[in-house]
Amino acid sequence: MTQAEAKPQVAFDEFIKMDLRVATVTAAEPHPNADRLLKVQLDDGTPEGRQVCAGIKQWYDPGSLVGKQVVMVANLEPRKIRGEVSQGMILAASDVQDGDEDGEKDVVVLTLDRPLKPGSPVS
């Protein structure tokens, strides 16, 4: 197994600026203008919820995500990705598989092992 290269250290004061939250997937569908993205609707504890575009289409059927609780970065600036607004990031882990010369990854969305209220902070 190939280990990912370590990134530079970050000061604790910088790290705590990240707002990590629990969110429940309420809907997911393929992004209409991108082969690798899913458009995911999240209940993040706010009345309006939010949408994120996630590069996980190769590893997840959209319907299999509905109802799952995920960890998201809630305070990223919104940005348009191929015409769709993304208002955060769903966290996932990835690994390069043994013997895979192409560096093909397996990607796993970070989920909770028991339910919490959407919007709960992650620390």
N, C-alpha and C. Protein backbone atom coordinates (compact mmCIF):
# COMPACT_ATOMS: atom_id res chain seq x y z
N MET A 1 0.85 -1.17 0.00
CA MET A 1 0.00 0.00 0.00
C MET A 1 0.90 1.24 0.00
N THR A 2 0.57 2.18 -0.82
CA THR A 2 1.32 3.42 -0.89
C THR A 2 0.72 4.40 0.11
N GLN A 3 1.62 4.99 0.93
CA GLN A 3 1.13 5.96 1.92
C GLN A 3 1.10 7.34 1.28
N ALA A 4 0.05 8.09 1.58
CA ALA A 4 -0.08 9.45 1.05
C ALA A 4 1.03 10.31 1.62
N GLU A 5 1.52 11.21 0.81
CA GLU A 5 2.56 12.12 1.26
C GLU A 5 1.99 13.09 2.29
N ALA A 6 2.73 13.27 3.39
CA ALA A 6 2.28 14.16 4.46
C ALA A 6 2.29 15.60 3.98
N LYS A 7 1.31 16.35 4.43
CA LYS A 7 1.22 17.78 4.11
C LYS A 7 1.92 18.56 5.21
N PRO A 8 2.24 19.83 4.96
CA PRO A 8 2.91 20.64 5.98
C PRO A 8 2.05 20.79 7.23
N GLN A 9 2.71 20.95 8.36
CA GLN A 9 1.99 21.17 9.61
C GLN A 9 1.21 22.47 9.55
N VAL A 10 0.09 22.49 10.27
CA VAL A 10 -0.79 23.65 10.35
C VAL A 10 -0.88 24.04 11.82
N ALA A 11 -0.80 25.33 12.09
CA ALA A 11 -0.93 25.79 13.46
C ALA A 11 -2.34 25.49 13.96
N PHE A 12 -2.47 25.17 15.25
CA PHE A 12 -3.76 24.85 15.85
C PHE A 12 -4.76 25.98 15.62
N ASP A 13 -4.30 27.22 15.73
CA ASP A 13 -5.18 28.37 15.52
C ASP A 13 -5.77 28.38 14.11
N GLU A 14 -5.04 27.87 13.14
CA GLU A 14 -5.56 27.77 11.77
C GLU A 14 -6.55 26.61 11.66
N PHE A 15 -6.20 25.49 12.26
CA PHE A 15 -7.06 24.31 12.19
C PHE A 15 -8.44 24.58 12.78
N ILE A 16 -8.50 25.26 13.92
CA ILE A 16 -9.79 25.46 14.58
C ILE A 16 -10.70 26.42 13.82
N LYS A 17 -10.20 27.03 12.77
CA LYS A 17 -11.05 27.86 11.91
C LYS A 17 -11.99 27.00 11.06
N MET A 18 -11.65 25.72 10.89
CA MET A 18 -12.49 24.83 10.10
C MET A 18 -13.73 24.48 10.91
N ASP A 19 -14.90 24.64 10.30
CA ASP A 19 -16.17 24.32 10.94
C ASP A 19 -16.65 22.98 10.40
N LEU A 20 -16.35 21.92 11.13
CA LEU A 20 -16.76 20.57 10.74
C LEU A 20 -18.08 20.27 11.43
N ARG A 21 -19.05 19.78 10.64
CA ARG A 21 -20.40 19.54 11.16
C ARG A 21 -20.96 18.22 10.65
N VAL A 22 -21.92 17.71 11.40
CA VAL A 22 -22.68 16.53 10.99
C VAL A 22 -23.79 17.01 10.05
N ALA A 23 -24.01 16.27 8.98
CA ALA A 23 -25.11 16.57 8.06
C ALA A 23 -25.73 15.25 7.61
N THR A 24 -27.02 15.28 7.37
CA THR A 24 -27.73 14.10 6.88
C THR A 24 -28.04 14.29 5.41
N VAL A 25 -27.69 13.29 4.60
CA VAL A 25 -27.97 13.34 3.16
C VAL A 25 -29.47 13.15 2.96
N THR A 26 -30.11 14.14 2.34
CA THR A 26 -31.55 14.05 2.08
C THR A 26 -31.85 13.67 0.62
N ALA A 27 -30.92 13.93 -0.28
CA ALA A 27 -31.08 13.58 -1.69
C ALA A 27 -29.71 13.60 -2.35
N ALA A 28 -29.57 12.82 -3.40
CA ALA A 28 -28.32 12.82 -4.17
C ALA A 28 -28.65 12.40 -5.60
N GLU A 29 -27.95 13.01 -6.54
CA GLU A 29 -28.16 12.69 -7.96
C GLU A 29 -26.88 13.01 -8.72
N PRO A 30 -26.72 12.41 -9.88
CA PRO A 30 -25.55 12.76 -10.69
C PRO A 30 -25.58 14.25 -11.06
N HIS A 31 -24.43 14.87 -11.03
CA HIS A 31 -24.30 16.26 -11.46
C HIS A 31 -24.60 16.31 -12.95
N PRO A 32 -25.43 17.24 -13.40
CA PRO A 32 -25.83 17.24 -14.81
C PRO A 32 -24.71 17.59 -15.78
N ASN A 33 -23.64 18.22 -15.31
CA ASN A 33 -22.59 18.68 -16.22
C ASN A 33 -21.20 18.16 -15.88
N ALA A 34 -21.11 17.09 -15.08
CA ALA A 34 -19.81 16.56 -14.69
C ALA A 34 -19.89 15.05 -14.48
N ASP A 35 -19.00 14.32 -15.12
CA ASP A 35 -19.02 12.86 -15.07
C ASP A 35 -18.65 12.29 -13.70
N ARG A 36 -17.87 12.99 -12.92
CA ARG A 36 -17.35 12.42 -11.66
C ARG A 36 -18.05 12.94 -10.40
N LEU A 37 -19.00 13.84 -10.58
CA LEU A 37 -19.59 14.50 -9.41
C LEU A 37 -21.02 14.04 -9.14
N LEU A 38 -21.36 14.07 -7.85
CA LEU A 38 -22.75 13.95 -7.42
C LEU A 38 -23.18 15.28 -6.84
N LYS A 39 -24.44 15.61 -7.04
CA LYS A 39 -25.07 16.77 -6.42
C LYS A 39 -25.80 16.23 -5.20
N VAL A 40 -25.40 16.71 -4.02
CA VAL A 40 -25.90 16.14 -2.77
C VAL A 40 -26.61 17.23 -1.97
N GLN A 41 -27.84 16.93 -1.55
CA GLN A 41 -28.60 17.84 -0.69
C GLN A 41 -28.42 17.37 0.75
N LEU A 42 -28.14 18.34 1.64
CA LEU A 42 -27.84 18.01 3.03
C LEU A 42 -28.75 18.75 4.00
N ASP A 43 -29.17 18.05 5.04
CA ASP A 43 -29.79 18.68 6.19
C ASP A 43 -28.62 18.95 7.14
N ASP A 44 -28.27 20.23 7.25
CA ASP A 44 -27.15 20.62 8.09
C ASP A 44 -27.62 21.31 9.37
N GLY A 45 -28.89 21.15 9.69
CA GLY A 45 -29.45 21.76 10.88
C GLY A 45 -30.00 23.15 10.67
N THR A 46 -29.83 23.70 9.47
CA THR A 46 -30.38 25.01 9.15
C THR A 46 -31.72 24.82 8.45
N PRO A 47 -32.61 25.82 8.49
CA PRO A 47 -33.92 25.65 7.84
C PRO A 47 -33.82 25.36 6.35
N GLU A 48 -32.86 25.96 5.66
CA GLU A 48 -32.78 25.80 4.21
C GLU A 48 -31.89 24.64 3.77
N GLY A 49 -31.06 24.08 4.66
CA GLY A 49 -30.14 23.03 4.24
C GLY A 49 -29.11 23.58 3.27
N ARG A 50 -28.42 22.69 2.61
CA ARG A 50 -27.42 23.13 1.63
C ARG A 50 -27.13 22.05 0.61
N GLN A 51 -26.50 22.47 -0.47
CA GLN A 51 -26.11 21.57 -1.55
C GLN A 51 -24.59 21.55 -1.64
N VAL A 52 -24.03 20.36 -1.84
CA VAL A 52 -22.60 20.27 -2.13
C VAL A 52 -22.43 19.39 -3.37
N CYS A 53 -21.37 19.66 -4.09
CA CYS A 53 -20.98 18.82 -5.22
C CYS A 53 -19.78 18.00 -4.75
N ALA A 54 -19.91 16.69 -4.86
CA ALA A 54 -18.89 15.78 -4.32
C ALA A 54 -18.36 14.87 -5.41
N GLY A 55 -17.06 14.72 -5.49
CA GLY A 55 -16.41 13.89 -6.50
C GLY A 55 -16.38 12.42 -6.11
N ILE A 56 -17.54 11.83 -5.86
CA ILE A 56 -17.63 10.47 -5.36
C ILE A 56 -18.50 9.56 -6.24
N LYS A 57 -18.86 10.03 -7.41
CA LYS A 57 -19.79 9.29 -8.26
C LYS A 57 -19.27 7.90 -8.62
N GLN A 58 -17.97 7.76 -8.79
CA GLN A 58 -17.39 6.48 -9.16
C GLN A 58 -17.56 5.42 -8.06
N TRP A 59 -17.70 5.86 -6.83
CA TRP A 59 -17.72 4.94 -5.69
C TRP A 59 -19.09 4.79 -5.02
N TYR A 60 -20.02 5.69 -5.33
CA TYR A 60 -21.31 5.67 -4.64
C TYR A 60 -22.47 5.82 -5.61
N ASP A 61 -23.45 4.94 -5.45
CA ASP A 61 -24.73 5.12 -6.10
C ASP A 61 -25.45 6.22 -5.33
N PRO A 62 -26.01 7.22 -6.01
CA PRO A 62 -26.63 8.33 -5.28
C PRO A 62 -27.65 7.89 -4.23
N GLY A 63 -28.49 6.93 -4.56
CA GLY A 63 -29.51 6.48 -3.62
C GLY A 63 -28.95 5.86 -2.35
N SER A 64 -27.75 5.28 -2.44
CA SER A 64 -27.16 4.63 -1.26
C SER A 64 -26.72 5.64 -0.21
N LEU A 65 -26.61 6.90 -0.58
CA LEU A 65 -26.18 7.94 0.36
C LEU A 65 -27.33 8.52 1.17
N VAL A 66 -28.54 8.46 0.63
CA VAL A 66 -29.70 9.08 1.27
C VAL A 66 -29.91 8.47 2.65
N GLY A 67 -30.02 9.34 3.65
CA GLY A 67 -30.20 8.92 5.02
C GLY A 67 -28.92 8.79 5.82
N LYS A 68 -27.79 8.73 5.14
CA LYS A 68 -26.51 8.62 5.84
C LYS A 68 -26.15 9.95 6.49
N GLN A 69 -25.50 9.87 7.62
CA GLN A 69 -24.95 11.07 8.24
C GLN A 69 -23.47 11.13 7.90
N VAL A 70 -23.04 12.29 7.42
CA VAL A 70 -21.68 12.49 6.96
C VAL A 70 -21.05 13.64 7.74
N VAL A 71 -19.74 13.76 7.60
CA VAL A 71 -19.02 14.88 8.17
C VAL A 71 -18.73 15.85 7.03
N MET A 72 -19.04 17.13 7.26
CA MET A 72 -18.82 18.12 6.21
C MET A 72 -18.04 19.31 6.72
N VAL A 73 -17.36 19.99 5.82
CA VAL A 73 -16.75 21.29 6.12
C VAL A 73 -17.83 22.31 5.79
N ALA A 74 -18.31 23.01 6.84
CA ALA A 74 -19.46 23.89 6.69
C ALA A 74 -19.09 25.33 6.34
N ASN A 75 -17.85 25.71 6.55
CA ASN A 75 -17.52 27.13 6.35
C ASN A 75 -16.61 27.38 5.15
N LEU A 76 -16.67 26.53 4.14
CA LEU A 76 -15.99 26.84 2.88
C LEU A 76 -16.83 27.87 2.13
N GLU A 77 -16.17 28.77 1.45
CA GLU A 77 -16.91 29.72 0.63
C GLU A 77 -17.66 28.98 -0.47
N PRO A 78 -18.93 29.31 -0.70
CA PRO A 78 -19.66 28.67 -1.80
C PRO A 78 -18.95 28.94 -3.13
N ARG A 79 -19.02 27.97 -4.03
CA ARG A 79 -18.46 28.16 -5.36
C ARG A 79 -19.28 27.37 -6.36
N LYS A 80 -19.24 27.86 -7.60
CA LYS A 80 -19.95 27.16 -8.67
C LYS A 80 -19.01 26.11 -9.26
N ILE A 81 -19.53 24.91 -9.38
CA ILE A 81 -18.78 23.81 -9.99
C ILE A 81 -19.60 23.32 -11.16
N ARG A 82 -19.15 23.63 -12.36
CA ARG A 82 -19.84 23.25 -13.59
C ARG A 82 -21.31 23.66 -13.56
N GLY A 83 -21.56 24.90 -13.09
CA GLY A 83 -22.90 25.46 -13.13
C GLY A 83 -23.76 25.20 -11.91
N GLU A 84 -23.29 24.40 -10.97
CA GLU A 84 -24.05 24.11 -9.75
C GLU A 84 -23.30 24.68 -8.55
N VAL A 85 -24.04 25.26 -7.61
CA VAL A 85 -23.43 25.84 -6.42
C VAL A 85 -23.09 24.72 -5.44
N SER A 86 -21.88 24.78 -4.90
CA SER A 86 -21.45 23.86 -3.85
C SER A 86 -21.17 24.68 -2.61
N GLN A 87 -21.83 24.32 -1.51
CA GLN A 87 -21.78 25.10 -0.27
C GLN A 87 -21.09 24.34 0.85
N GLY A 88 -19.98 23.73 0.55
CA GLY A 88 -19.24 22.98 1.56
C GLY A 88 -18.55 21.80 0.93
N MET A 89 -18.10 20.88 1.78
CA MET A 89 -17.38 19.70 1.30
C MET A 89 -17.71 18.53 2.22
N ILE A 90 -18.05 17.40 1.63
CA ILE A 90 -18.22 16.17 2.38
C ILE A 90 -16.85 15.53 2.51
N LEU A 91 -16.47 15.15 3.74
CA LEU A 91 -15.16 14.55 3.95
C LEU A 91 -15.18 13.07 3.57
N ALA A 92 -14.08 12.64 2.96
CA ALA A 92 -13.92 11.25 2.56
C ALA A 92 -12.45 10.87 2.71
N ALA A 93 -12.22 9.60 2.90
CA ALA A 93 -10.85 9.06 2.95
C ALA A 93 -10.61 8.30 1.66
N SER A 94 -9.36 8.27 1.23
CA SER A 94 -9.03 7.51 0.03
C SER A 94 -7.71 6.79 0.24
N ASP A 95 -7.54 5.74 -0.54
CA ASP A 95 -6.35 4.91 -0.40
C ASP A 95 -5.96 4.40 -1.78
N VAL A 96 -4.68 4.41 -2.08
CA VAL A 96 -4.18 3.79 -3.30
C VAL A 96 -4.10 2.30 -3.03
N GLN A 97 -4.65 1.50 -3.90
CA GLN A 97 -4.71 0.06 -3.71
C GLN A 97 -3.37 -0.60 -4.04
N ASP A 98 -3.04 -1.67 -3.31
CA ASP A 98 -1.82 -2.45 -3.57
C ASP A 98 -1.79 -2.93 -5.02
N GLY A 99 -0.64 -2.82 -5.63
CA GLY A 99 -0.44 -3.35 -6.96
C GLY A 99 -1.14 -2.60 -8.07
N ASP A 100 -1.77 -1.52 -7.78
CA ASP A 100 -2.48 -0.76 -8.81
C ASP A 100 -1.53 0.26 -9.41
N GLU A 101 -1.05 -0.04 -10.58
CA GLU A 101 -0.07 0.82 -11.24
C GLU A 101 -0.65 2.17 -11.66
N ASP A 102 -1.97 2.23 -11.82
CA ASP A 102 -2.61 3.47 -12.23
C ASP A 102 -2.85 4.40 -11.04
N GLY A 103 -2.57 3.94 -9.82
CA GLY A 103 -2.84 4.75 -8.65
C GLY A 103 -4.34 4.89 -8.39
N GLU A 104 -5.12 3.89 -8.82
CA GLU A 104 -6.57 3.92 -8.62
C GLU A 104 -6.87 3.89 -7.14
N LYS A 105 -7.79 4.76 -6.72
CA LYS A 105 -8.12 4.90 -5.32
C LYS A 105 -9.45 4.25 -5.00
N ASP A 106 -9.59 3.91 -3.73
CA ASP A 106 -10.90 3.59 -3.18
C ASP A 106 -11.26 4.79 -2.32
N VAL A 107 -12.47 5.27 -2.42
CA VAL A 107 -12.90 6.45 -1.69
C VAL A 107 -14.06 6.07 -0.78
N VAL A 108 -13.97 6.47 0.49
CA VAL A 108 -14.98 6.14 1.49
C VAL A 108 -15.40 7.43 2.19
N VAL A 109 -16.69 7.74 2.11
CA VAL A 109 -17.24 8.92 2.77
C VAL A 109 -17.21 8.68 4.29
N LEU A 110 -16.81 9.71 5.05
CA LEU A 110 -16.79 9.60 6.51
C LEU A 110 -18.22 9.70 7.02
N THR A 111 -18.66 8.66 7.72
CA THR A 111 -20.01 8.60 8.26
C THR A 111 -19.95 8.39 9.77
N LEU A 112 -21.09 8.57 10.42
CA LEU A 112 -21.17 8.39 11.86
C LEU A 112 -21.62 6.98 12.18
N ASP A 113 -21.20 6.46 13.34
CA ASP A 113 -21.61 5.11 13.71
C ASP A 113 -22.90 5.10 14.52
N ARG A 114 -23.39 6.27 14.93
CA ARG A 114 -24.72 6.39 15.51
C ARG A 114 -25.23 7.80 15.25
N PRO A 115 -26.54 7.98 15.22
CA PRO A 115 -27.11 9.26 14.79
C PRO A 115 -26.84 10.41 15.77
N LEU A 116 -26.64 11.58 15.19
CA LEU A 116 -26.56 12.85 15.93
C LEU A 116 -27.45 13.85 15.21
N LYS A 117 -27.79 14.91 15.91
CA LYS A 117 -28.60 15.97 15.34
C LYS A 117 -27.83 16.65 14.21
N PRO A 118 -28.46 16.83 13.03
CA PRO A 118 -27.78 17.56 11.95
C PRO A 118 -27.32 18.94 12.45
N GLY A 119 -26.11 19.32 12.07
CA GLY A 119 -25.53 20.57 12.49
C GLY A 119 -24.64 20.43 13.71
N SER A 120 -24.62 19.24 14.32
CA SER A 120 -23.75 19.04 15.49
C SER A 120 -22.30 19.27 15.10
N PRO A 121 -21.54 19.94 15.96
CA PRO A 121 -20.13 20.19 15.64
C PRO A 121 -19.29 18.93 15.76
N VAL A 122 -18.26 18.85 14.95
CA VAL A 122 -17.28 17.76 14.98
C VAL A 122 -15.98 18.36 15.49
N SER A 123 -15.43 17.72 16.49
CA SER A 123 -14.15 18.23 17.05
C SER A 123 -13.19 17.11 17.31
